[in-house]
Amino acid sequence: MTKYVERKGNRIKRFLKEYNSPLVLAGGWIVGGAIGTAGFAVGVAQQLYDATNYLLSTGDIVGTAISLYNSGALLAGQVLIPTCILAKFGTYKCKKFVEKVFSYILGKRR
């Protein structure tokens, strides 16, 4: 029983070490940042019609800019964290796949 718990603990520790490697973190941050930027652009595009009407009726440029920024930031904030987590997991799975392919290729040649 003790050996099983020890092996399982080592397996979890190894998984966490591989899952938080610099490559996996960078993949999550890059993809998450790109999707967050796209989310910001979509949020601004959604608010653009109302902001244009507000600008034409009041002439308040600063209020219009703040409204656009807030709507974009709200949508980007909603998609950023889940996207980073999913991208990190996807990068981890791709890394493991590439490692398996190379170990298979190099293992066959020996």
N, C-alpha and C. Protein backbone atom coordinates (compact mmCIF):
# COMPACT_ATOMS: atom_id res chain seq x y z
N MET A 1 0.82 -1.19 0.00
CA MET A 1 0.00 0.00 0.00
C MET A 1 0.87 1.26 0.00
N THR A 2 1.94 1.24 0.75
CA THR A 2 2.81 2.41 0.83
C THR A 2 3.51 2.66 -0.50
N LYS A 3 3.95 1.59 -1.16
CA LYS A 3 4.60 1.75 -2.46
C LYS A 3 3.64 2.36 -3.48
N TYR A 4 2.38 1.92 -3.44
CA TYR A 4 1.38 2.45 -4.38
C TYR A 4 1.17 3.94 -4.15
N VAL A 5 1.02 4.34 -2.92
CA VAL A 5 0.82 5.76 -2.60
C VAL A 5 2.04 6.56 -3.00
N GLU A 6 3.23 6.01 -2.79
CA GLU A 6 4.46 6.71 -3.16
C GLU A 6 4.57 6.86 -4.67
N ARG A 7 4.26 5.79 -5.42
CA ARG A 7 4.30 5.88 -6.88
C ARG A 7 3.28 6.88 -7.40
N LYS A 8 2.09 6.86 -6.83
CA LYS A 8 1.05 7.78 -7.27
C LYS A 8 1.45 9.21 -6.96
N GLY A 9 2.04 9.44 -5.80
CA GLY A 9 2.52 10.77 -5.44
C GLY A 9 3.60 11.26 -6.38
N ASN A 10 4.52 10.35 -6.77
CA ASN A 10 5.57 10.72 -7.73
C ASN A 10 4.99 11.03 -9.10
N ARG A 11 3.95 10.28 -9.50
CA ARG A 11 3.32 10.50 -10.79
C ARG A 11 2.64 11.86 -10.83
N ILE A 12 1.95 12.22 -9.75
CA ILE A 12 1.30 13.53 -9.68
C ILE A 12 2.33 14.64 -9.68
N LYS A 13 3.41 14.45 -8.93
CA LYS A 13 4.46 15.46 -8.87
C LYS A 13 5.11 15.65 -10.24
N ARG A 14 5.34 14.56 -10.96
CA ARG A 14 5.94 14.63 -12.29
C ARG A 14 4.99 15.33 -13.27
N PHE A 15 3.70 14.99 -13.18
CA PHE A 15 2.71 15.64 -14.05
C PHE A 15 2.68 17.15 -13.80
N LEU A 16 2.65 17.57 -12.55
CA LEU A 16 2.62 19.01 -12.25
C LEU A 16 3.89 19.70 -12.71
N LYS A 17 5.01 19.01 -12.59
CA LYS A 17 6.27 19.59 -13.05
C LYS A 17 6.27 19.76 -14.57
N GLU A 18 5.78 18.77 -15.30
CA GLU A 18 5.72 18.87 -16.76
C GLU A 18 4.65 19.87 -17.20
N TYR A 19 3.52 19.90 -16.49
CA TYR A 19 2.41 20.77 -16.88
C TYR A 19 2.75 22.24 -16.66
N ASN A 20 3.64 22.53 -15.74
CA ASN A 20 4.04 23.91 -15.47
C ASN A 20 5.42 24.23 -16.02
N SER A 21 5.81 23.54 -17.07
CA SER A 21 7.11 23.82 -17.68
C SER A 21 7.04 25.14 -18.45
N PRO A 22 8.18 25.77 -18.70
CA PRO A 22 8.18 27.07 -19.39
C PRO A 22 7.54 27.02 -20.78
N LEU A 23 7.73 25.93 -21.50
CA LEU A 23 7.13 25.82 -22.84
C LEU A 23 5.61 25.80 -22.76
N VAL A 24 5.07 25.04 -21.84
CA VAL A 24 3.62 24.94 -21.70
C VAL A 24 3.03 26.27 -21.22
N LEU A 25 3.70 26.91 -20.27
CA LEU A 25 3.23 28.21 -19.80
C LEU A 25 3.26 29.25 -20.91
N ALA A 26 4.33 29.26 -21.69
CA ALA A 26 4.43 30.23 -22.80
C ALA A 26 3.34 29.98 -23.83
N GLY A 27 3.07 28.71 -24.14
CA GLY A 27 2.00 28.40 -25.09
C GLY A 27 0.65 28.89 -24.60
N GLY A 28 0.37 28.70 -23.32
CA GLY A 28 -0.88 29.18 -22.75
C GLY A 28 -0.99 30.69 -22.77
N TRP A 29 0.11 31.35 -22.44
CA TRP A 29 0.09 32.82 -22.42
C TRP A 29 -0.06 33.40 -23.82
N ILE A 30 0.64 32.83 -24.78
CA ILE A 30 0.59 33.38 -26.14
C ILE A 30 -0.79 33.19 -26.75
N VAL A 31 -1.32 31.98 -26.66
CA VAL A 31 -2.64 31.73 -27.24
C VAL A 31 -3.71 32.48 -26.45
N GLY A 32 -3.60 32.50 -25.14
CA GLY A 32 -4.56 33.24 -24.32
C GLY A 32 -4.52 34.74 -24.62
N GLY A 33 -3.34 35.27 -24.82
CA GLY A 33 -3.22 36.68 -25.16
C GLY A 33 -3.83 37.01 -26.51
N ALA A 34 -3.61 36.12 -27.47
CA ALA A 34 -4.19 36.35 -28.80
C ALA A 34 -5.71 36.29 -28.75
N ILE A 35 -6.25 35.32 -28.03
CA ILE A 35 -7.71 35.20 -27.92
C ILE A 35 -8.27 36.35 -27.09
N GLY A 36 -7.55 36.78 -26.07
CA GLY A 36 -7.98 37.94 -25.28
C GLY A 36 -8.03 39.20 -26.12
N THR A 37 -7.04 39.37 -26.99
CA THR A 37 -7.04 40.53 -27.89
C THR A 37 -8.20 40.46 -28.87
N ALA A 38 -8.46 39.28 -29.39
CA ALA A 38 -9.61 39.12 -30.29
C ALA A 38 -10.92 39.37 -29.54
N GLY A 39 -11.00 38.92 -28.30
CA GLY A 39 -12.19 39.18 -27.49
C GLY A 39 -12.38 40.67 -27.24
N PHE A 40 -11.28 41.37 -27.01
CA PHE A 40 -11.36 42.82 -26.83
C PHE A 40 -11.90 43.49 -28.10
N ALA A 41 -11.39 43.05 -29.25
CA ALA A 41 -11.84 43.63 -30.52
C ALA A 41 -13.33 43.34 -30.76
N VAL A 42 -13.77 42.15 -30.42
CA VAL A 42 -15.19 41.81 -30.59
C VAL A 42 -16.05 42.64 -29.64
N GLY A 43 -15.61 42.83 -28.42
CA GLY A 43 -16.35 43.66 -27.47
C GLY A 43 -16.46 45.10 -27.93
N VAL A 44 -15.39 45.63 -28.49
CA VAL A 44 -15.42 46.99 -29.03
C VAL A 44 -16.36 47.06 -30.23
N ALA A 45 -16.31 46.06 -31.09
CA ALA A 45 -17.17 46.03 -32.27
C ALA A 45 -18.65 45.95 -31.88
N GLN A 46 -18.95 45.21 -30.82
CA GLN A 46 -20.34 45.12 -30.36
C GLN A 46 -20.85 46.46 -29.87
N GLN A 47 -20.01 47.21 -29.21
CA GLN A 47 -20.41 48.48 -28.60
C GLN A 47 -20.30 49.64 -29.58
N LEU A 48 -19.70 49.44 -30.73
CA LEU A 48 -19.39 50.54 -31.64
C LEU A 48 -20.63 51.29 -32.12
N TYR A 49 -21.69 50.61 -32.41
CA TYR A 49 -22.91 51.27 -32.90
C TYR A 49 -23.49 52.21 -31.84
N ASP A 50 -23.63 51.70 -30.61
CA ASP A 50 -24.16 52.55 -29.53
C ASP A 50 -23.21 53.70 -29.22
N ALA A 51 -21.91 53.44 -29.27
CA ALA A 51 -20.94 54.49 -28.99
C ALA A 51 -20.97 55.57 -30.06
N THR A 52 -21.17 55.18 -31.31
CA THR A 52 -21.26 56.16 -32.39
C THR A 52 -22.50 57.03 -32.21
N ASN A 53 -23.62 56.44 -31.87
CA ASN A 53 -24.83 57.22 -31.62
C ASN A 53 -24.63 58.18 -30.44
N TYR A 54 -23.97 57.69 -29.39
CA TYR A 54 -23.69 58.53 -28.22
C TYR A 54 -22.77 59.70 -28.60
N LEU A 55 -21.76 59.41 -29.39
CA LEU A 55 -20.83 60.45 -29.81
C LEU A 55 -21.52 61.50 -30.67
N LEU A 56 -22.35 61.08 -31.60
CA LEU A 56 -23.03 62.04 -32.47
C LEU A 56 -24.06 62.87 -31.72
N SER A 57 -24.67 62.31 -30.69
CA SER A 57 -25.69 63.07 -29.96
C SER A 57 -25.08 63.99 -28.92
N THR A 58 -23.98 63.61 -28.29
CA THR A 58 -23.40 64.43 -27.22
C THR A 58 -22.08 65.09 -27.60
N GLY A 59 -21.32 64.51 -28.48
CA GLY A 59 -20.01 65.04 -28.83
C GLY A 59 -18.93 64.72 -27.79
N ASP A 60 -19.21 63.81 -26.89
CA ASP A 60 -18.29 63.45 -25.81
C ASP A 60 -17.34 62.35 -26.30
N ILE A 61 -16.15 62.74 -26.72
CA ILE A 61 -15.18 61.79 -27.26
C ILE A 61 -14.61 60.90 -26.15
N VAL A 62 -14.31 61.51 -25.01
CA VAL A 62 -13.72 60.74 -23.91
C VAL A 62 -14.71 59.70 -23.38
N GLY A 63 -15.95 60.09 -23.22
CA GLY A 63 -16.97 59.14 -22.74
C GLY A 63 -17.17 58.00 -23.72
N THR A 64 -17.12 58.31 -25.01
CA THR A 64 -17.25 57.27 -26.03
C THR A 64 -16.07 56.30 -25.97
N ALA A 65 -14.87 56.84 -25.85
CA ALA A 65 -13.68 55.99 -25.77
C ALA A 65 -13.71 55.11 -24.53
N ILE A 66 -14.13 55.68 -23.41
CA ILE A 66 -14.21 54.90 -22.16
C ILE A 66 -15.26 53.79 -22.30
N SER A 67 -16.38 54.10 -22.91
CA SER A 67 -17.43 53.10 -23.12
C SER A 67 -16.93 51.95 -23.99
N LEU A 68 -16.23 52.29 -25.07
CA LEU A 68 -15.69 51.26 -25.96
C LEU A 68 -14.66 50.40 -25.23
N TYR A 69 -13.77 51.06 -24.49
CA TYR A 69 -12.72 50.32 -23.78
C TYR A 69 -13.33 49.40 -22.73
N ASN A 70 -14.32 49.89 -21.98
CA ASN A 70 -14.94 49.07 -20.93
C ASN A 70 -15.63 47.84 -21.50
N SER A 71 -16.33 48.01 -22.61
CA SER A 71 -17.02 46.85 -23.18
C SER A 71 -16.02 45.84 -23.74
N GLY A 72 -14.94 46.32 -24.35
CA GLY A 72 -13.91 45.41 -24.85
C GLY A 72 -13.18 44.70 -23.72
N ALA A 73 -12.86 45.44 -22.67
CA ALA A 73 -12.15 44.86 -21.53
C ALA A 73 -13.03 43.84 -20.81
N LEU A 74 -14.32 44.09 -20.74
CA LEU A 74 -15.23 43.16 -20.09
C LEU A 74 -15.26 41.82 -20.82
N LEU A 75 -15.39 41.85 -22.12
CA LEU A 75 -15.43 40.60 -22.88
C LEU A 75 -14.07 39.90 -22.87
N ALA A 76 -12.99 40.67 -22.98
CA ALA A 76 -11.66 40.06 -22.95
C ALA A 76 -11.39 39.41 -21.59
N GLY A 77 -11.84 40.03 -20.53
CA GLY A 77 -11.65 39.45 -19.20
C GLY A 77 -12.44 38.18 -19.00
N GLN A 78 -13.58 38.08 -19.67
CA GLN A 78 -14.39 36.87 -19.53
C GLN A 78 -13.79 35.68 -20.27
N VAL A 79 -13.07 35.92 -21.35
CA VAL A 79 -12.53 34.81 -22.13
C VAL A 79 -11.05 34.52 -21.84
N LEU A 80 -10.35 35.42 -21.19
CA LEU A 80 -8.90 35.29 -21.05
C LEU A 80 -8.49 34.10 -20.18
N ILE A 81 -9.02 33.98 -18.99
CA ILE A 81 -8.58 32.92 -18.07
C ILE A 81 -8.95 31.53 -18.59
N PRO A 82 -10.21 31.29 -19.01
CA PRO A 82 -10.50 29.95 -19.54
C PRO A 82 -9.66 29.60 -20.77
N THR A 83 -9.40 30.60 -21.61
CA THR A 83 -8.61 30.35 -22.80
C THR A 83 -7.17 30.01 -22.44
N CYS A 84 -6.60 30.70 -21.46
CA CYS A 84 -5.24 30.39 -21.03
C CYS A 84 -5.15 28.97 -20.50
N ILE A 85 -6.14 28.56 -19.72
CA ILE A 85 -6.13 27.21 -19.16
C ILE A 85 -6.24 26.16 -20.27
N LEU A 86 -7.18 26.38 -21.20
CA LEU A 86 -7.34 25.43 -22.29
C LEU A 86 -6.12 25.41 -23.22
N ALA A 87 -5.54 26.58 -23.48
CA ALA A 87 -4.36 26.62 -24.34
C ALA A 87 -3.17 25.95 -23.67
N LYS A 88 -3.06 26.12 -22.37
CA LYS A 88 -1.98 25.46 -21.63
C LYS A 88 -2.14 23.94 -21.72
N PHE A 89 -3.36 23.46 -21.56
CA PHE A 89 -3.61 22.02 -21.67
C PHE A 89 -3.33 21.52 -23.08
N GLY A 90 -3.76 22.28 -24.09
CA GLY A 90 -3.49 21.90 -25.48
C GLY A 90 -2.01 21.88 -25.79
N THR A 91 -1.27 22.85 -25.27
CA THR A 91 0.18 22.88 -25.48
C THR A 91 0.84 21.69 -24.80
N TYR A 92 0.35 21.34 -23.61
CA TYR A 92 0.89 20.18 -22.90
C TYR A 92 0.66 18.89 -23.71
N LYS A 93 -0.55 18.73 -24.23
CA LYS A 93 -0.86 17.54 -25.02
C LYS A 93 -0.03 17.48 -26.31
N CYS A 94 0.16 18.63 -26.97
CA CYS A 94 1.00 18.66 -28.18
C CYS A 94 2.44 18.31 -27.84
N LYS A 95 2.92 18.83 -26.73
CA LYS A 95 4.29 18.53 -26.31
C LYS A 95 4.46 17.03 -26.05
N LYS A 96 3.50 16.43 -25.36
CA LYS A 96 3.57 14.99 -25.09
C LYS A 96 3.50 14.18 -26.39
N PHE A 97 2.67 14.63 -27.34
CA PHE A 97 2.57 13.94 -28.63
C PHE A 97 3.88 13.99 -29.39
N VAL A 98 4.50 15.17 -29.43
CA VAL A 98 5.78 15.31 -30.13
C VAL A 98 6.86 14.46 -29.45
N GLU A 99 6.85 14.43 -28.13
CA GLU A 99 7.81 13.60 -27.41
C GLU A 99 7.62 12.12 -27.74
N LYS A 100 6.37 11.67 -27.82
CA LYS A 100 6.11 10.27 -28.15
C LYS A 100 6.54 9.94 -29.57
N VAL A 101 6.27 10.86 -30.50
CA VAL A 101 6.65 10.62 -31.89
C VAL A 101 8.17 10.51 -32.01
N PHE A 102 8.89 11.44 -31.39
CA PHE A 102 10.35 11.40 -31.48
C PHE A 102 10.92 10.20 -30.75
N SER A 103 10.35 9.83 -29.62
CA SER A 103 10.87 8.65 -28.94
C SER A 103 10.60 7.40 -29.74
N TYR A 104 9.47 7.35 -30.46
CA TYR A 104 9.17 6.21 -31.31
C TYR A 104 10.15 6.14 -32.47
N ILE A 105 10.39 7.30 -33.12
CA ILE A 105 11.31 7.33 -34.25
C ILE A 105 12.73 6.97 -33.82
N LEU A 106 13.18 7.59 -32.75
CA LEU A 106 14.55 7.32 -32.30
C LEU A 106 14.67 5.92 -31.71
N GLY A 107 13.61 5.41 -31.11
CA GLY A 107 13.63 4.05 -30.57
C GLY A 107 13.71 3.00 -31.66
N LYS A 108 13.08 3.25 -32.80
CA LYS A 108 13.11 2.31 -33.91
C LYS A 108 14.49 2.22 -34.55
N ARG A 109 15.21 3.31 -34.56
CA ARG A 109 16.51 3.33 -35.23
C ARG A 109 17.59 2.60 -34.44
N ARG A 110 17.44 2.47 -33.17
CA ARG A 110 18.47 1.85 -32.35
C ARG A 110 18.47 0.39 -32.43
